């Protein structure tokens, strides 16, 4: 939690959004995330319009596909490359603390 707080305070919105999408994707069996831009905005402490702008940029780059209430990760490797370094630290912590972490390779 402390790492997420520090990340939200210091990293650019684009990198935080990428990290958050990866973290959400790690916890579902497929790449489709049932979440709204409003919910993402609340979780990341930014405006809904900013999340919409970020999602549109990722969609134009072919990294995600969006529709109402859904975000589908289509290029996980590129999303990981956009994410801040906090993603790997958080992922490793989850692996240590939780007995089950879904396979997040989604190749």
Protein backbone atom coordinates (compact mmCIF):
# COMPACT_ATOMS: atom_id res chain seq x y z
CA UNK A 1 0.00 0.00 0.00
CA UNK A 2 2.81 2.41 0.88
CA UNK A 3 4.46 1.68 -2.46
CA UNK A 4 1.25 2.47 -4.32
CA UNK A 5 0.90 5.74 -2.44
CA UNK A 6 4.47 6.71 -3.31
CA UNK A 7 3.94 5.66 -6.93
CA UNK A 8 0.78 7.74 -7.21
CA UNK A 9 2.64 10.75 -5.82
CA UNK A 10 5.76 10.53 -7.98
CA UNK A 11 5.13 8.78 -11.31
CA UNK A 12 3.39 10.20 -14.38
CA UNK A 13 -0.25 9.28 -14.94
CA UNK A 14 0.54 7.24 -18.06
CA UNK A 15 2.92 4.93 -16.19
CA UNK A 16 0.60 4.59 -13.18
CA UNK A 17 -2.35 3.71 -15.42
CA UNK A 18 -0.27 1.05 -17.20
CA UNK A 19 0.85 -0.39 -13.82
CA UNK A 20 -2.70 -0.49 -12.53
CA UNK A 21 -4.02 -2.22 -15.67
CA UNK A 22 -1.27 -4.84 -15.36
CA UNK A 23 -2.10 -5.42 -11.69
CA UNK A 24 -5.80 -5.83 -12.50
CA UNK A 25 -4.97 -8.13 -15.41
CA UNK A 26 -2.88 -10.34 -13.12
CA UNK A 27 -5.96 -11.12 -11.06
CA UNK A 28 -8.35 -12.27 -13.77
CA UNK A 29 -8.17 -15.45 -15.86
CA UNK A 30 -8.39 -13.59 -19.17
CA UNK A 31 -7.29 -10.18 -20.37
CA UNK A 32 -10.71 -8.54 -20.18
CA UNK A 33 -11.19 -6.18 -17.26
CA UNK A 34 -14.73 -5.24 -16.28
CA UNK A 35 -14.13 -1.71 -15.06
CA UNK A 36 -15.26 1.77 -15.88
CA UNK A 37 -13.14 4.83 -16.48
CA UNK A 38 -14.82 6.36 -13.42
CA UNK A 39 -13.69 3.48 -11.18
CA UNK A 40 -10.14 3.61 -12.60
CA UNK A 41 -10.08 7.36 -11.98
CA UNK A 42 -11.10 6.89 -8.35
CA UNK A 43 -8.49 4.18 -7.82
CA UNK A 44 -5.73 6.28 -9.38
CA UNK A 45 -6.71 9.66 -7.95
CA UNK A 46 -7.23 11.35 -11.32
CA UNK A 47 -10.17 12.65 -13.31
CA UNK A 48 -12.37 10.37 -15.39
CA UNK A 49 -11.57 12.45 -18.45
CA UNK A 50 -7.83 11.86 -17.88
CA UNK A 51 -8.39 8.09 -17.68
CA UNK A 52 -10.45 8.27 -20.88
CA UNK A 53 -7.62 10.15 -22.57
CA UNK A 54 -5.03 7.61 -21.38
CA UNK A 55 -7.19 4.66 -22.45
CA UNK A 56 -7.71 6.23 -25.88
CA UNK A 57 -3.94 6.68 -26.31
CA UNK A 58 -3.34 3.02 -25.38
CA UNK A 59 -6.10 1.91 -27.73
CA UNK A 60 -4.70 3.94 -30.62
CA UNK A 61 -1.33 2.26 -29.98
CA UNK A 62 -2.97 -1.19 -30.12
CA UNK A 63 -2.17 -1.98 -26.47
CA UNK A 64 -5.76 -2.18 -25.22
CA UNK A 65 -9.26 -2.32 -26.65
CA UNK A 66 -12.03 -0.54 -24.84
CA UNK A 67 -15.79 -0.61 -24.85
CA UNK A 68 -18.32 0.56 -22.31
CA UNK A 69 -17.27 -0.82 -18.93
CA UNK A 70 -14.52 -3.05 -20.37
CA UNK A 71 -10.81 -2.74 -21.04
CA UNK A 72 -9.12 -5.66 -22.82
CA UNK A 73 -5.32 -5.87 -22.71
CA UNK A 74 -4.20 -6.82 -26.23
CA UNK A 75 -0.44 -6.27 -25.93
CA UNK A 76 0.75 -7.05 -22.42
CA UNK A 77 4.46 -6.73 -23.25
CA UNK A 78 4.04 -3.18 -24.52
CA UNK A 79 1.84 -2.29 -21.57
CA UNK A 80 4.55 -3.61 -19.22
CA UNK A 81 7.15 -1.52 -21.04
CA UNK A 82 5.03 1.60 -20.42
CA UNK A 83 4.51 0.80 -16.74
CA UNK A 84 6.67 2.22 -13.99
CA UNK A 85 9.12 -0.01 -12.13
CA UNK A 86 6.67 -0.26 -9.23
CA UNK A 87 4.73 -2.95 -11.07
CA UNK A 88 7.46 -5.57 -10.70
CA UNK A 89 7.96 -4.72 -7.02
CA UNK A 90 4.24 -5.07 -6.29
CA UNK A 91 3.99 -8.28 -8.35
CA UNK A 92 6.86 -9.85 -6.40
CA UNK A 93 5.26 -8.86 -3.09
CA UNK A 94 1.99 -10.51 -4.11
CA UNK A 95 3.87 -13.68 -5.03
CA UNK A 96 5.49 -13.76 -1.59
CA UNK A 97 2.36 -12.98 0.43
CA UNK A 98 -0.40 -14.82 -1.41
CA UNK A 99 -0.52 -18.58 -1.86
CA UNK A 100 -1.99 -18.24 -5.35
CA UNK A 101 -1.18 -15.69 -8.01
CA UNK A 102 -2.65 -16.38 -11.45
CA UNK A 103 -0.25 -16.85 -14.34
CA UNK A 104 0.29 -13.29 -15.54
CA UNK A 105 2.23 -14.11 -18.70
CA UNK A 106 -0.91 -13.88 -20.93
CA UNK A 107 1.19 -14.36 -24.05
